[in-house]
Amino acid sequence: MPCCSAINCSNRTEKGYRLYRFPRNDKNRAKWVHNMRRGGNWQPSEAARLCEKHFEKTQFENKRADGKVKLRPNAVPTIFNLPNPPLNTECLKRRHYKDDDLFEELSVENSLLRNRIECSQNTSINALQIQNRSICEELIKIKDTLPTHFIEDQIKVFVENVKKS
């Protein structure tokens, strides 16, 4: 008793479904196999069939004198109970976590982010401290030179005053 070869389909003649042989023409046969998306190198055997549910109504000859429902010669099955395969499985891979694993991973990520922030703050503080030290050193140098200049200027003024008198 033949049954449908499509994935997720268990229709059979006993259930009242019409089943159709795969075309002998290689080109049409390849279209049928491709649309079924069975994967790999699957090829239909002589006994393989597809049921009427996989063909649109337009794929059947409408008005036959004998009243039978027949597929058109170039009919191609297009209706299958399959999700569309992803175009790029790399993008769609998801990691599955247990709640504890997810919590632990998020906790680790949060602590790493906190450490980065602290490091950048510490780096900024260190840079400011270095800048502050160099400014302080400059001020000390200026203080050291100021009295000397001031005293030298005072001495010059005193010497000039002495010469004038």
Protein backbone atom coordinates (compact mmCIF):
# COMPACT_ATOMS: atom_id res chain seq x y z
CA MET A 1 0.00 0.00 0.00
CA PRO A 2 1.80 3.15 -1.18
CA CYS A 3 2.12 6.26 0.94
CA CYS A 4 3.35 9.78 0.28
CA SER A 5 7.15 10.26 0.20
CA ALA A 6 7.06 13.87 1.43
CA ILE A 7 8.46 14.71 4.86
CA ASN A 8 5.74 15.19 7.52
CA CYS A 9 3.10 13.61 5.30
CA SER A 10 1.52 10.22 5.99
CA ASN A 11 -1.25 10.33 3.39
CA ARG A 12 -1.97 7.01 1.68
CA THR A 13 -4.41 5.59 -0.79
CA GLU A 14 -6.31 3.86 2.06
CA LYS A 15 -7.13 7.31 3.46
CA GLY A 16 -8.62 8.32 0.11
CA TYR A 17 -5.71 10.37 -1.27
CA ARG A 18 -4.52 10.12 -4.87
CA LEU A 19 -0.78 9.43 -5.18
CA TYR A 20 1.33 10.33 -8.19
CA ARG A 21 4.52 8.75 -9.52
CA PHE A 22 7.64 10.84 -9.99
CA PRO A 23 8.16 11.97 -13.59
CA ARG A 24 10.42 9.89 -15.80
CA ASN A 25 11.82 13.09 -17.36
CA ASP A 26 15.04 13.89 -15.46
CA LYS A 27 14.48 17.65 -15.49
CA ASN A 28 10.95 17.45 -14.03
CA ARG A 29 11.99 14.71 -11.60
CA ALA A 30 14.81 16.95 -10.33
CA LYS A 31 12.31 19.80 -9.73
CA TRP A 32 10.09 17.50 -7.68
CA VAL A 33 13.02 16.23 -5.60
CA HIS A 34 14.37 19.76 -5.08
CA ASN A 35 10.99 21.10 -3.91
CA MET A 36 10.59 18.22 -1.45
CA ARG A 37 13.78 19.36 0.36
CA ARG A 38 14.61 15.92 1.68
CA GLY A 39 18.29 16.83 1.73
CA GLY A 40 21.37 14.86 0.89
CA ASN A 41 21.35 12.80 -2.27
CA TRP A 42 17.85 11.40 -1.82
CA GLN A 43 16.43 9.97 -5.01
CA PRO A 44 12.95 8.48 -5.35
CA SER A 45 12.62 4.76 -5.88
CA GLU A 46 10.20 3.23 -8.41
CA ALA A 47 7.65 2.92 -5.62
CA ALA A 48 7.99 6.54 -4.41
CA ARG A 49 4.90 8.72 -4.75
CA LEU A 50 3.61 12.17 -3.81
CA CYS A 51 0.02 12.76 -2.77
CA GLU A 52 -2.38 15.30 -4.24
CA LYS A 53 -1.98 17.65 -1.24
CA HIS A 54 1.44 18.79 -2.52
CA PHE A 55 0.09 20.22 -5.77
CA GLU A 56 -1.81 23.46 -6.31
CA LYS A 57 -5.23 23.13 -7.93
CA THR A 58 -3.87 24.77 -11.07
CA GLN A 59 -1.53 21.78 -11.54
CA PHE A 60 -4.47 19.48 -12.37
CA GLU A 61 -6.38 19.14 -15.64
CA ASN A 62 -9.83 20.56 -14.94
CA LYS A 63 -12.35 19.21 -17.38
CA ARG A 64 -11.72 15.68 -18.47
CA ALA A 65 -14.33 13.74 -20.36
CA ASP A 66 -13.82 10.66 -18.19
CA GLY A 67 -14.18 12.68 -14.94
CA LYS A 68 -10.79 11.58 -13.56
CA VAL A 69 -8.44 14.05 -11.91
CA LYS A 70 -5.09 13.97 -13.65
CA LEU A 71 -1.90 15.98 -13.15
CA ARG A 72 -0.79 18.23 -15.96
CA PRO A 73 2.28 16.84 -17.80
CA ASN A 74 4.67 19.50 -16.39
CA ALA A 75 3.10 19.76 -12.92
CA VAL A 76 5.49 20.56 -10.07
CA PRO A 77 4.68 20.02 -6.38
CA THR A 78 5.00 23.23 -4.35
CA ILE A 79 3.03 22.65 -1.14
CA PHE A 80 4.98 20.98 1.65
CA ASN A 81 4.60 21.04 5.40
CA LEU A 82 8.17 22.17 6.03
CA PRO A 83 9.60 25.34 7.50
CA ASN A 84 11.73 27.31 5.06
CA PRO A 85 15.34 26.27 5.55
CA PRO A 86 17.58 29.04 6.89
CA LEU A 87 19.72 30.73 4.25
CA ASN A 88 22.74 30.89 6.50
CA THR A 89 22.78 28.49 9.41
CA GLU A 90 25.86 30.21 10.87
CA CYS A 91 23.83 33.33 11.72
CA LEU A 92 20.97 31.40 13.21
CA LYS A 93 22.85 29.20 15.63
CA ARG A 94 21.82 30.02 19.15
CA ARG A 95 23.43 29.04 22.36
CA HIS A 96 21.12 27.32 24.78
CA TYR A 97 21.63 28.15 28.41
CA LYS A 98 20.38 26.84 31.65
CA ASP A 99 19.22 29.69 33.87
CA ASP A 100 22.19 29.26 36.21
CA ASP A 101 24.68 29.25 33.34
CA LEU A 102 23.15 32.40 31.89
CA PHE A 103 23.15 34.14 35.26
CA GLU A 104 26.78 33.17 35.86
CA GLU A 105 27.87 34.33 32.41
CA LEU A 106 26.06 37.65 32.81
CA SER A 107 27.59 38.08 36.24
CA VAL A 108 31.09 37.51 34.83
CA GLU A 109 30.41 39.95 31.97
CA ASN A 110 29.16 42.57 34.44
CA SER A 111 32.24 42.25 36.64
CA LEU A 112 34.49 42.53 33.57
CA LEU A 113 32.68 45.71 32.55
CA ARG A 114 33.03 47.10 36.08
CA ASN A 115 36.76 46.34 36.03
CA ARG A 116 37.11 48.09 32.67
CA ILE A 117 35.33 51.17 34.01
CA GLU A 118 37.45 51.18 37.16
CA CYS A 119 40.61 50.77 35.10
CA SER A 120 39.68 53.66 32.82
CA GLN A 121 38.81 55.79 35.85
CA ASN A 122 42.09 54.82 37.52
CA THR A 123 43.96 55.62 34.32
CA SER A 124 42.31 59.04 34.25
CA ILE A 125 43.11 59.62 37.91
CA ASN A 126 46.71 58.52 37.39
CA ALA A 127 47.07 60.85 34.42
CA LEU A 128 45.66 63.73 36.46
CA GLN A 129 47.99 62.93 39.36
CA ILE A 130 51.02 62.95 37.04
CA GLN A 131 49.90 66.24 35.53
CA ASN A 132 49.40 67.68 39.01
CA ARG A 133 52.91 66.59 40.08
CA SER A 134 54.52 68.24 37.06
CA ILE A 135 52.58 71.47 37.70
CA CYS A 136 53.69 71.43 41.34
CA GLU A 137 57.30 70.93 40.28
CA GLU A 138 56.99 73.89 37.89
CA LEU A 139 55.60 76.04 40.70
CA ILE A 140 58.44 75.08 43.02
CA LYS A 141 60.97 76.04 40.32
CA ILE A 142 59.21 79.37 39.82
CA LYS A 143 59.16 80.02 43.57
CA ASP A 144 62.86 79.24 43.75
CA THR A 145 63.68 81.61 40.91
CA LEU A 146 61.34 84.41 41.97
CA PRO A 147 63.13 85.54 45.11
CA THR A 148 66.45 85.45 43.31
CA HIS A 149 65.17 87.71 40.56
CA PHE A 150 63.46 89.91 43.07
CA ILE A 151 66.61 90.19 45.15
CA GLU A 152 68.76 90.79 42.07
CA ASP A 153 66.40 93.55 40.96
CA GLN A 154 66.49 95.10 44.42
CA ILE A 155 70.30 94.95 44.45
CA LYS A 156 70.47 96.67 41.05
CA VAL A 157 68.14 99.40 42.24
CA PHE A 158 70.18 99.80 45.41
CA VAL A 159 73.46 99.91 43.45
CA GLU A 160 72.05 102.52 41.09
CA ASN A 161 70.84 104.58 44.00
CA VAL A 162 74.24 104.33 45.63
CA LYS A 163 75.95 105.49 42.42
CA LYS A 164 73.63 108.45 42.14
CA SER A 165 74.32 109.61 45.60
